[in-house]
N, C-alpha and C. Protein backbone atom coordinates (compact mmCIF):
# COMPACT_ATOMS: atom_id res chain seq x y z
N MET A 1 -0.91 1.07 27.44
CA MET A 1 -1.34 0.46 26.19
C MET A 1 -0.17 -0.32 25.60
N PRO A 2 -0.39 -1.57 25.16
CA PRO A 2 0.70 -2.37 24.60
C PRO A 2 1.20 -1.79 23.28
N LYS A 3 2.48 -1.95 23.04
CA LYS A 3 3.08 -1.48 21.80
C LYS A 3 2.65 -2.39 20.65
N SER A 4 2.34 -1.78 19.51
CA SER A 4 1.91 -2.55 18.33
C SER A 4 3.08 -3.35 17.77
N SER A 5 2.77 -4.55 17.32
CA SER A 5 3.79 -5.39 16.70
C SER A 5 3.87 -5.15 15.19
N ILE A 6 3.02 -4.25 14.69
CA ILE A 6 3.03 -3.92 13.27
C ILE A 6 4.08 -2.83 13.04
N PRO A 7 5.08 -3.12 12.20
CA PRO A 7 6.15 -2.12 12.01
C PRO A 7 5.67 -0.89 11.24
N LYS A 8 6.27 0.24 11.60
CA LYS A 8 6.04 1.47 10.84
C LYS A 8 7.04 1.51 9.71
N ARG A 9 6.57 1.95 8.56
CA ARG A 9 7.43 2.06 7.39
C ARG A 9 7.29 3.46 6.83
N THR A 10 8.36 3.96 6.26
CA THR A 10 8.36 5.31 5.72
C THR A 10 8.22 5.27 4.21
N ILE A 11 7.31 6.07 3.70
CA ILE A 11 7.09 6.20 2.26
C ILE A 11 7.12 7.68 1.92
N HIS A 12 7.71 8.01 0.80
CA HIS A 12 7.69 9.39 0.32
C HIS A 12 6.47 9.58 -0.58
N LEU A 13 5.55 10.43 -0.16
CA LEU A 13 4.36 10.73 -0.93
C LEU A 13 4.33 12.22 -1.24
N ASN A 14 4.29 12.53 -2.51
CA ASN A 14 4.24 13.92 -2.95
C ASN A 14 5.37 14.75 -2.33
N GLY A 15 6.55 14.14 -2.27
CA GLY A 15 7.73 14.85 -1.76
C GLY A 15 7.84 14.93 -0.25
N LYS A 16 6.93 14.29 0.48
CA LYS A 16 6.97 14.32 1.94
C LYS A 16 7.08 12.91 2.49
N LYS A 17 7.86 12.77 3.58
CA LYS A 17 7.97 11.47 4.24
C LYS A 17 6.72 11.24 5.07
N THR A 18 6.14 10.06 4.91
CA THR A 18 4.95 9.66 5.65
C THR A 18 5.18 8.28 6.23
N SER A 19 4.77 8.08 7.46
CA SER A 19 4.89 6.77 8.09
C SER A 19 3.56 6.05 8.02
N VAL A 20 3.62 4.76 7.73
CA VAL A 20 2.43 3.91 7.75
C VAL A 20 2.75 2.66 8.54
N SER A 21 1.77 2.17 9.26
CA SER A 21 1.90 0.90 9.96
C SER A 21 1.31 -0.16 9.04
N LEU A 22 2.15 -1.08 8.61
CA LEU A 22 1.70 -2.06 7.63
C LEU A 22 2.35 -3.41 7.92
N GLU A 23 1.53 -4.44 7.99
CA GLU A 23 2.03 -5.78 8.23
C GLU A 23 2.98 -6.19 7.10
N GLY A 24 3.91 -7.07 7.44
CA GLY A 24 4.90 -7.52 6.47
C GLY A 24 4.31 -8.12 5.21
N GLU A 25 3.23 -8.87 5.36
CA GLU A 25 2.60 -9.49 4.19
C GLU A 25 2.06 -8.44 3.22
N PHE A 26 1.46 -7.39 3.76
CA PHE A 26 0.93 -6.33 2.90
C PHE A 26 2.08 -5.53 2.29
N TRP A 27 3.14 -5.28 3.07
CA TRP A 27 4.29 -4.55 2.54
C TRP A 27 4.94 -5.34 1.40
N ASN A 28 5.11 -6.63 1.59
CA ASN A 28 5.70 -7.47 0.54
C ASN A 28 4.81 -7.50 -0.70
N ALA A 29 3.50 -7.56 -0.50
CA ALA A 29 2.58 -7.55 -1.64
C ALA A 29 2.66 -6.21 -2.38
N LEU A 30 2.75 -5.13 -1.64
CA LEU A 30 2.87 -3.80 -2.27
C LEU A 30 4.17 -3.71 -3.07
N LYS A 31 5.26 -4.24 -2.52
CA LYS A 31 6.54 -4.25 -3.25
C LYS A 31 6.43 -5.08 -4.52
N GLU A 32 5.72 -6.21 -4.45
CA GLU A 32 5.55 -7.08 -5.62
C GLU A 32 4.73 -6.36 -6.70
N ILE A 33 3.68 -5.69 -6.31
CA ILE A 33 2.86 -4.94 -7.27
C ILE A 33 3.71 -3.85 -7.93
N ALA A 34 4.50 -3.15 -7.14
CA ALA A 34 5.37 -2.11 -7.69
C ALA A 34 6.38 -2.70 -8.67
N ARG A 35 6.96 -3.85 -8.30
CA ARG A 35 7.93 -4.52 -9.17
C ARG A 35 7.28 -4.89 -10.50
N LYS A 36 6.08 -5.49 -10.43
CA LYS A 36 5.38 -5.90 -11.65
C LYS A 36 5.04 -4.72 -12.54
N ARG A 37 4.77 -3.58 -11.92
CA ARG A 37 4.42 -2.39 -12.70
C ARG A 37 5.64 -1.58 -13.11
N GLY A 38 6.81 -1.97 -12.60
CA GLY A 38 8.03 -1.24 -12.94
C GLY A 38 8.05 0.16 -12.36
N LYS A 39 7.43 0.33 -11.21
CA LYS A 39 7.33 1.63 -10.56
C LYS A 39 7.88 1.54 -9.14
N PRO A 40 8.33 2.67 -8.58
CA PRO A 40 8.75 2.64 -7.19
C PRO A 40 7.55 2.48 -6.25
N ILE A 41 7.79 1.96 -5.07
CA ILE A 41 6.70 1.78 -4.10
C ILE A 41 5.99 3.10 -3.84
N SER A 42 6.73 4.18 -3.76
CA SER A 42 6.10 5.48 -3.47
C SER A 42 5.06 5.84 -4.54
N HIS A 43 5.33 5.51 -5.78
CA HIS A 43 4.40 5.80 -6.87
C HIS A 43 3.14 4.95 -6.73
N VAL A 44 3.32 3.67 -6.47
CA VAL A 44 2.19 2.75 -6.32
C VAL A 44 1.38 3.12 -5.07
N ALA A 45 2.07 3.47 -3.99
CA ALA A 45 1.38 3.85 -2.76
C ALA A 45 0.54 5.11 -2.97
N ALA A 46 1.07 6.10 -3.67
CA ALA A 46 0.31 7.32 -3.94
C ALA A 46 -0.94 7.01 -4.76
N ALA A 47 -0.79 6.14 -5.76
CA ALA A 47 -1.95 5.75 -6.58
C ALA A 47 -2.96 4.97 -5.73
N ALA A 48 -2.47 4.11 -4.85
CA ALA A 48 -3.34 3.32 -3.99
C ALA A 48 -4.16 4.22 -3.08
N ILE A 49 -3.51 5.19 -2.49
CA ILE A 49 -4.19 6.09 -1.57
C ILE A 49 -5.23 6.93 -2.32
N ALA A 50 -4.88 7.39 -3.50
CA ALA A 50 -5.85 8.16 -4.30
C ALA A 50 -7.04 7.29 -4.69
N GLN A 51 -6.77 6.05 -5.07
CA GLN A 51 -7.83 5.12 -5.50
C GLN A 51 -8.76 4.75 -4.34
N GLN A 52 -8.23 4.61 -3.15
CA GLN A 52 -9.00 4.12 -2.01
C GLN A 52 -9.46 5.24 -1.06
N ARG A 53 -9.28 6.48 -1.45
CA ARG A 53 -9.59 7.63 -0.59
C ARG A 53 -10.99 7.57 0.01
N GLU A 54 -11.97 7.16 -0.78
CA GLU A 54 -13.36 7.13 -0.33
C GLU A 54 -13.63 6.02 0.69
N ARG A 55 -12.93 4.92 0.57
CA ARG A 55 -13.19 3.74 1.41
C ARG A 55 -12.33 3.68 2.67
N ALA A 56 -11.15 4.28 2.63
CA ALA A 56 -10.17 4.09 3.69
C ALA A 56 -10.25 5.18 4.76
N ILE A 57 -9.92 4.80 5.99
CA ILE A 57 -9.92 5.77 7.08
C ILE A 57 -8.53 6.36 7.32
N ASN A 58 -7.49 5.72 6.76
CA ASN A 58 -6.12 6.25 6.89
C ASN A 58 -5.24 5.64 5.80
N PHE A 59 -3.98 6.08 5.75
CA PHE A 59 -3.06 5.60 4.71
C PHE A 59 -2.88 4.09 4.75
N SER A 60 -2.67 3.56 5.93
CA SER A 60 -2.44 2.11 6.05
C SER A 60 -3.64 1.32 5.54
N SER A 61 -4.81 1.76 5.91
CA SER A 61 -6.03 1.10 5.45
C SER A 61 -6.15 1.18 3.93
N ALA A 62 -5.83 2.32 3.36
CA ALA A 62 -5.88 2.49 1.90
C ALA A 62 -4.94 1.51 1.21
N LEU A 63 -3.76 1.33 1.76
CA LEU A 63 -2.79 0.41 1.16
C LEU A 63 -3.27 -1.04 1.27
N ARG A 64 -3.84 -1.40 2.40
CA ARG A 64 -4.36 -2.76 2.56
C ARG A 64 -5.51 -3.02 1.58
N LEU A 65 -6.42 -2.07 1.45
CA LEU A 65 -7.55 -2.23 0.52
C LEU A 65 -7.07 -2.33 -0.92
N PHE A 66 -6.07 -1.55 -1.27
CA PHE A 66 -5.50 -1.59 -2.62
C PHE A 66 -4.92 -2.97 -2.92
N VAL A 67 -4.13 -3.49 -1.98
CA VAL A 67 -3.53 -4.81 -2.16
C VAL A 67 -4.62 -5.88 -2.26
N LEU A 68 -5.60 -5.80 -1.40
CA LEU A 68 -6.70 -6.76 -1.42
C LEU A 68 -7.43 -6.71 -2.76
N ASP A 69 -7.76 -5.51 -3.22
CA ASP A 69 -8.44 -5.37 -4.52
C ASP A 69 -7.58 -5.92 -5.65
N TYR A 70 -6.29 -5.64 -5.60
CA TYR A 70 -5.38 -6.10 -6.64
C TYR A 70 -5.41 -7.62 -6.77
N TYR A 71 -5.33 -8.31 -5.64
CA TYR A 71 -5.27 -9.77 -5.67
C TYR A 71 -6.63 -10.43 -5.82
N GLN A 72 -7.70 -9.69 -5.63
CA GLN A 72 -9.03 -10.26 -5.84
C GLN A 72 -9.48 -10.14 -7.29
N ARG A 73 -8.83 -9.28 -8.07
CA ARG A 73 -9.16 -9.19 -9.49
C ARG A 73 -8.74 -10.46 -10.20
N PRO A 74 -9.40 -10.77 -11.31
CA PRO A 74 -8.96 -11.93 -12.10
C PRO A 74 -7.49 -11.78 -12.49
N ALA A 75 -6.81 -12.89 -12.62
CA ALA A 75 -5.38 -12.88 -12.92
C ALA A 75 -5.02 -12.02 -14.11
N SER A 76 -5.87 -11.97 -15.11
CA SER A 76 -5.55 -11.17 -16.30
C SER A 76 -5.58 -9.68 -16.01
N GLY A 77 -6.25 -9.26 -14.95
CA GLY A 77 -6.35 -7.84 -14.63
C GLY A 77 -5.28 -7.36 -13.67
N ASN A 78 -4.40 -8.23 -13.22
CA ASN A 78 -3.40 -7.84 -12.23
C ASN A 78 -2.29 -6.97 -12.78
N GLU A 79 -2.03 -7.02 -14.02
CA GLU A 79 -0.89 -6.26 -14.56
C GLU A 79 -1.25 -4.88 -14.87
């Protein structure tokens, strides 16, 4: 099986290290959301996973759905 070109990244969730495979564009978007909210990525990621728990099949999927939802909201709702 070919090796994935999507890098694994480590996030601390609830005091535990967790690895997620996330494309650079999604990782950068997650960092931008965290910066805008004045929160660490781990805090935003935990909220994203909790918010997307019903729709997502894994952590990476939850983060992608969260970023997608964030940018699909009207500009006034992004903050």
